[in-house]
Protein backbone atom coordinates (compact mmCIF):
# COMPACT_ATOMS: atom_id res chain seq x y z
CA UNK A 1 -13.56 -26.93 24.07
CA UNK A 2 -11.05 -28.45 26.46
CA UNK A 3 -8.87 -29.50 23.55
CA UNK A 4 -8.98 -25.95 22.14
CA UNK A 5 -7.99 -24.49 25.51
CA UNK A 6 -5.19 -27.00 25.90
CA UNK A 7 -3.87 -26.17 22.44
CA UNK A 8 -4.01 -22.45 23.24
CA UNK A 9 -2.20 -23.00 26.51
CA UNK A 10 0.50 -24.98 24.71
CA UNK A 11 0.93 -22.18 22.17
CA UNK A 12 1.17 -19.60 24.96
CA UNK A 13 3.80 -21.65 26.75
CA UNK A 14 5.77 -21.87 23.51
CA UNK A 15 5.66 -18.10 23.11
CA UNK A 16 6.69 -17.57 26.72
CA UNK A 17 9.64 -19.94 26.31
CA UNK A 18 10.73 -18.05 23.20
CA UNK A 19 10.50 -14.68 24.95
CA UNK A 20 12.16 -15.96 28.14
CA UNK A 21 15.11 -17.32 26.16
CA UNK A 22 15.37 -14.00 24.32
CA UNK A 23 15.33 -11.95 27.51
CA UNK A 24 18.01 -14.19 29.04
CA UNK A 25 20.28 -14.05 26.00
CA UNK A 26 23.88 -13.10 26.75
CA UNK A 27 24.73 -9.42 26.44
CA UNK A 28 26.51 -8.49 23.21
CA UNK A 29 28.48 -5.23 22.86
CA UNK A 30 26.82 -2.73 20.50
CA UNK A 31 29.73 -2.78 18.08
CA UNK A 32 29.34 -6.57 17.68
CA UNK A 33 25.60 -6.51 17.03
CA UNK A 34 24.02 -7.32 13.68
CA UNK A 35 21.10 -5.02 13.08
CA UNK A 36 18.44 -6.23 10.64
CA UNK A 37 16.11 -3.48 9.44
CA UNK A 38 12.71 -4.35 7.94
CA UNK A 39 10.75 -2.22 5.46
CA UNK A 40 7.71 -2.99 3.35
CA UNK A 41 3.97 -2.88 2.87
CA UNK A 42 1.13 -5.33 3.54
CA UNK A 43 3.20 -8.51 3.10
CA UNK A 44 5.41 -7.36 5.98
CA UNK A 45 2.48 -7.40 8.40
CA UNK A 46 2.73 -11.15 9.05
CA UNK A 47 6.34 -10.67 10.18
CA UNK A 48 5.37 -7.77 12.43
CA UNK A 49 2.53 -9.81 13.97
CA UNK A 50 4.84 -12.76 14.57
CA UNK A 51 7.34 -10.49 16.29
CA UNK A 52 4.77 -8.68 18.45
CA UNK A 53 3.20 -11.98 19.54
CA UNK A 54 6.54 -13.44 20.50
CA UNK A 55 6.35 -16.25 17.96
CA UNK A 56 9.97 -15.81 16.94
CA UNK A 57 13.19 -14.39 18.30
CA UNK A 58 16.63 -14.77 16.66
CA UNK A 59 18.63 -17.73 17.89
CA UNK A 60 21.80 -15.64 17.59
CA UNK A 61 22.01 -13.20 20.51
CA UNK A 62 23.90 -10.72 18.32
CA UNK A 63 20.90 -10.16 16.02
CA UNK A 64 18.64 -7.15 16.51
CA UNK A 65 15.47 -7.13 14.38
CA UNK A 66 13.96 -3.67 13.86
CA UNK A 67 10.80 -2.90 11.89
CA UNK A 68 11.49 0.68 10.86
CA UNK A 69 8.87 1.27 8.14
CA UNK A 70 6.25 -1.41 7.56
CA UNK A 71 3.20 0.64 6.72
CA UNK A 72 1.49 0.88 3.36
CA UNK A 73 0.15 4.35 4.21
CA UNK A 74 3.48 5.90 5.20
CA UNK A 75 5.36 3.88 2.57
CA UNK A 76 2.90 3.16 -0.28
CA UNK A 77 3.77 0.49 -2.82
CA UNK A 78 3.12 2.88 -5.70
CA UNK A 79 5.65 5.40 -4.35
CA UNK A 80 8.60 3.36 -3.10
CA UNK A 81 10.70 5.24 -5.66
CA UNK A 82 10.29 8.86 -6.78
CA UNK A 83 11.83 11.23 -9.29
CA UNK A 84 14.06 13.97 -7.87
CA UNK A 85 14.13 17.52 -9.24
CA UNK A 86 17.05 16.43 -11.41
CA UNK A 87 15.07 13.52 -12.83
CA UNK A 88 17.07 10.88 -10.97
CA UNK A 89 15.36 8.09 -9.02
CA UNK A 90 15.34 8.44 -5.22
CA UNK A 91 13.75 6.35 -2.48
CA UNK A 92 10.51 7.46 -0.84
CA UNK A 93 11.14 10.38 1.57
CA UNK A 94 9.55 8.45 4.43
CA UNK A 95 12.09 5.67 3.97
CA UNK A 96 14.94 8.18 3.79
CA UNK A 97 13.76 9.64 7.11
CA UNK A 98 13.54 6.16 8.65
CA UNK A 99 17.11 5.46 7.55
CA UNK A 100 18.25 8.64 9.31
CA UNK A 101 16.16 8.13 12.46
CA UNK A 102 17.45 4.59 12.97
CA UNK A 103 21.03 5.30 11.85
CA UNK A 104 20.79 2.52 9.29
CA UNK A 105 23.91 3.65 7.43
CA UNK A 106 25.93 4.85 10.41
CA UNK A 107 28.48 2.06 10.10
CA UNK A 108 28.52 1.64 13.90
CA UNK A 109 27.16 -1.90 13.60
CA UNK A 110 26.77 -4.49 10.86
CA UNK A 111 23.51 -3.63 9.10
CA UNK A 112 21.25 -5.69 6.83
CA UNK A 113 18.12 -4.48 5.10
CA UNK A 114 15.10 -6.76 4.62
CA UNK A 115 12.69 -5.51 1.96
CA UNK A 116 9.14 -6.83 1.74
CA UNK A 117 8.00 -4.31 -0.86
CA UNK A 118 5.08 -4.67 -3.24
CA UNK A 119 4.30 -8.34 -4.09
CA UNK A 120 0.64 -7.98 -5.06
CA UNK A 121 0.98 -7.72 -8.84
CA UNK A 122 0.06 -11.39 -9.28
CA UNK A 123 -3.11 -10.81 -7.22
CA UNK A 124 -4.05 -7.63 -9.07
CA UNK A 125 -3.81 -9.51 -12.37
CA UNK A 126 -5.01 -12.89 -11.20
CA UNK A 127 -6.97 -13.15 -7.95
CA UNK A 128 -10.17 -12.56 -9.90
CA UNK A 129 -11.03 -14.13 -13.21
CA UNK A 130 -9.77 -11.96 -16.05
CA UNK A 131 -12.16 -10.35 -18.51
CA UNK A 132 -11.65 -11.67 -21.12
CA UNK A 133 -10.12 -14.81 -19.58
CA UNK A 134 -6.59 -15.84 -20.50
CA UNK A 135 -4.27 -18.64 -19.55
CA UNK A 136 -0.71 -19.77 -20.25
CA UNK A 137 1.78 -22.56 -19.70
CA UNK A 138 4.52 -21.85 -17.20
CA UNK A 139 7.70 -23.67 -18.28
CA UNK A 140 8.31 -24.92 -14.72
CA UNK A 141 4.71 -26.05 -14.25
CA UNK A 142 3.72 -27.73 -17.54
CA UNK A 143 1.48 -30.21 -15.70
CA UNK A 144 -0.99 -27.54 -14.55
CA UNK A 145 -4.26 -27.49 -16.50
CA UNK A 146 -5.16 -24.93 -19.17
CA UNK A 147 -8.65 -23.46 -19.31
CA UNK A 148 -10.50 -24.47 -22.46
CA UNK A 149 -12.54 -21.25 -22.56
CA UNK A 150 -9.55 -18.89 -22.26
CA UNK A 151 -7.23 -17.27 -24.75
CA UNK A 152 -3.83 -18.97 -24.51
CA UNK A 153 -0.97 -16.49 -24.30
CA UNK A 154 2.75 -17.22 -24.63
CA UNK A 155 4.64 -17.36 -21.35
CA UNK A 156 6.88 -14.53 -22.56
CA UNK A 157 3.87 -12.26 -23.02
CA UNK A 158 2.64 -12.89 -19.48
CA UNK A 159 6.16 -12.45 -18.11
CA UNK A 160 6.44 -9.13 -19.96
CA UNK A 161 3.20 -8.01 -18.30
CA UNK A 162 4.56 -8.93 -14.86
CA UNK A 163 7.92 -7.32 -15.62
CA UNK A 164 6.20 -4.05 -16.53
CA UNK A 165 4.29 -4.16 -13.24
CA UNK A 166 7.56 -4.80 -11.34
CA UNK A 167 9.50 -2.00 -13.00
CA UNK A 168 9.05 0.16 -9.90
CA UNK A 169 10.69 -2.58 -7.82
CA UNK A 170 13.63 -2.65 -10.22
CA UNK A 171 14.06 1.13 -10.00
CA UNK A 172 13.79 0.99 -6.20
CA UNK A 173 16.61 -1.49 -5.79
CA UNK A 174 18.79 0.38 -8.28
CA UNK A 175 18.61 3.62 -6.29
CA UNK A 176 18.49 2.09 -2.80
CA UNK A 177 21.45 3.45 -0.76
CA UNK A 178 24.02 0.75 -0.02
CA UNK A 179 26.74 2.53 1.95
CA UNK A 180 27.45 0.63 5.19
CA UNK A 181 24.79 -1.97 4.32
CA UNK A 182 26.12 -5.53 4.51
CA UNK A 183 23.35 -6.88 2.29
CA UNK A 184 19.80 -6.41 1.08
CA UNK A 185 17.19 -9.21 1.09
CA UNK A 186 14.03 -9.23 -0.99
CA UNK A 187 11.28 -11.35 0.57
CA UNK A 188 8.92 -12.82 -2.00
CA UNK A 189 5.18 -12.56 -1.31
CA UNK A 190 3.45 -15.78 -0.19
CA UNK A 191 2.21 -18.20 -2.86
CA UNK A 192 -1.54 -18.62 -3.39
CA UNK A 193 -4.06 -19.79 -0.83
CA UNK A 194 -5.58 -22.82 -2.63
CA UNK A 195 -9.00 -22.73 -0.98
CA UNK A 196 -11.40 -20.59 -3.00
CA UNK A 197 -13.92 -20.39 -0.14
CA UNK A 198 -11.24 -18.86 2.10
CA UNK A 199 -10.52 -16.27 -0.57
CA UNK A 200 -14.21 -15.58 -1.22
CA UNK A 201 -15.18 -14.92 2.39
CA UNK A 202 -12.27 -12.63 3.27
CA UNK A 203 -12.66 -8.88 3.74
CA UNK A 204 -9.55 -8.50 1.63
CA UNK A 205 -11.42 -9.89 -1.39
CA UNK A 206 -14.07 -7.17 -1.08
CA UNK A 207 -11.47 -4.44 -0.71
CA UNK A 208 -9.46 -5.54 -3.72
CA UNK A 209 -12.60 -6.02 -5.79
CA UNK A 210 -13.68 -2.44 -5.09
CA UNK A 211 -10.18 -1.09 -5.75
CA UNK A 212 -10.09 -2.86 -9.13
CA UNK A 213 -13.70 -1.84 -9.90
CA UNK A 214 -14.77 -5.43 -10.52
CA UNK A 215 -18.43 -6.52 -10.23
CA UNK A 216 -19.70 -8.00 -6.98
CA UNK A 217 -20.22 -11.41 -8.55
CA UNK A 218 -16.70 -11.69 -9.97
CA UNK A 219 -15.24 -15.11 -9.27
CA UNK A 220 -11.92 -16.10 -7.73
CA UNK A 221 -9.55 -17.51 -10.36
CA UNK A 222 -8.67 -21.22 -10.21
CA UNK A 223 -5.79 -21.91 -7.86
CA UNK A 224 -3.64 -23.31 -10.69
CA UNK A 225 -3.90 -20.05 -12.63
CA UNK A 226 -3.01 -18.05 -9.53
CA UNK A 227 -0.02 -20.30 -8.91
CA UNK A 228 1.26 -19.75 -12.45
CA UNK A 229 0.97 -15.98 -12.12
CA UNK A 230 2.70 -16.03 -8.71
CA UNK A 231 5.49 -18.14 -10.17
CA UNK A 232 5.82 -15.68 -13.04
CA UNK A 233 6.05 -12.82 -10.56
CA UNK A 234 8.73 -14.75 -8.69
CA UNK A 235 10.68 -15.27 -11.92
CA UNK A 236 10.69 -11.53 -12.57
CA UNK A 237 11.69 -10.67 -9.00
CA UNK A 238 14.55 -13.18 -9.08
CA UNK A 239 15.84 -11.51 -12.23
CA UNK A 240 15.57 -8.05 -10.66
CA UNK A 241 17.43 -9.22 -7.57
CA UNK A 242 20.21 -10.74 -9.68
CA UNK A 243 20.61 -7.52 -11.67
CA UNK A 244 20.62 -5.25 -8.61
CA UNK A 245 22.75 -7.32 -6.21
CA UNK A 246 19.85 -8.16 -3.89
CA UNK A 247 19.40 -11.54 -2.18
CA UNK A 248 16.15 -13.17 -3.25
CA UNK A 249 14.38 -15.11 -0.47
CA UNK A 250 11.47 -17.39 -1.32
CA UNK A 251 8.71 -18.59 1.03
CA UNK A 252 9.58 -20.84 3.99
CA UNK A 253 9.20 -24.41 2.81
CA UNK A 254 7.54 -25.52 6.08
CA UNK A 255 4.54 -23.32 5.25
CA UNK A 256 3.84 -24.98 1.89
CA UNK A 257 2.04 -28.13 0.85
CA UNK A 258 3.46 -30.65 -1.63
CA UNK A 259 2.21 -28.55 -4.57
CA UNK A 260 3.67 -25.29 -3.31
CA UNK A 261 0.45 -23.70 -2.01
CA UNK A 262 0.09 -22.21 1.47
CA UNK A 263 -0.89 -24.62 4.23
CA UNK A 264 -4.05 -23.64 6.19
CA UNK A 265 -2.18 -22.31 9.27
CA UNK A 266 -0.43 -19.84 6.94
CA UNK A 267 -3.62 -18.33 5.54
CA UNK A 268 -4.62 -14.74 6.26
CA UNK A 269 -7.34 -13.15 4.17
CA UNK A 270 -7.24 -13.95 0.46
CA UNK A 271 -3.61 -13.29 -0.41
CA UNK A 272 -1.50 -12.80 2.72
CA UNK A 273 0.37 -14.89 5.25
CA UNK A 274 -0.52 -15.42 8.91
CA UNK A 275 1.61 -14.66 11.96
CA UNK A 276 2.63 -18.33 11.96
CA UNK A 277 3.86 -17.88 8.40
CA UNK A 278 5.64 -14.71 9.49
CA UNK A 279 7.51 -16.54 12.23
CA UNK A 280 8.77 -19.12 9.73
CA UNK A 281 9.79 -16.32 7.36
CA UNK A 282 11.75 -14.59 10.16
CA UNK A 283 13.57 -17.84 10.92
CA UNK A 284 14.47 -18.21 7.24
CA UNK A 285 15.69 -14.60 7.08
CA UNK A 286 18.02 -15.19 10.02
CA UNK A 287 19.28 -18.40 8.40
CA UNK A 288 19.95 -16.68 5.06
CA UNK A 289 21.86 -13.81 6.68
CA UNK A 290 23.87 -16.23 8.85
CA UNK A 291 24.78 -18.34 5.81
CA UNK A 292 25.87 -15.25 3.87
CA UNK A 293 28.00 -13.98 6.75
CA UNK A 294 29.67 -17.38 7.18
CA UNK A 295 30.47 -17.59 3.46
CA UNK A 296 32.24 -14.23 3.35
């Protein structure tokens, strides 16, 4: 118990030091600030938690992080893009309002947009064992095992399935307003949690099972299969980002084990990242934006 309390006290001191340094940062004129606006659904929650708990603050005093629409109810993944009366794609009206309310495109400061949209297609298709089961070889992960009792599909067929699921993401980035936006970042969803017991006991498992109308006794897919599907999702998202001039940002390396799965401190539920993971992601976001600004 004493060790647990000591560890908690150490973590609290770390948060306090982070917040104290942030509060004492030198004042930067508004015109010289770099505003970073965050939007997304459930995979943005770990970033919001990290921010609210004081686990991360930008090292650059000129950075302002603002979470303007990170709510799956107000900004549902299935409606990030809509059809206008003319038939053209437009962003969700809630996001358009958030842009106006926070003067995202005012041009008064340098503005970056961080998008943590969607990201659950690999879990919808692969958290639970498929019926009938299927498997495939990912070209970057040929060493991962193949299930003997599953139908083996070509990688291109599985990629086509993931691309169809991500078509809404592609449309979103194509119609996303860019005027007075220095750059747009797409944050990839976390890779799989390798521990099947962690996935099985989470409330998230029950919610997703009910949403997908799967039986109560449905089993969690093997971690290797989930990794291959996540990697396939990442391949598709990288391609979308390249086509739509969006900066693709993968998971923070410090949160991954040697095989690319999430480390235990990064686990939240069955498919999401923890606040600790969120803090590492925020640090990587700042580093990516800084590197891009320095290269221009």
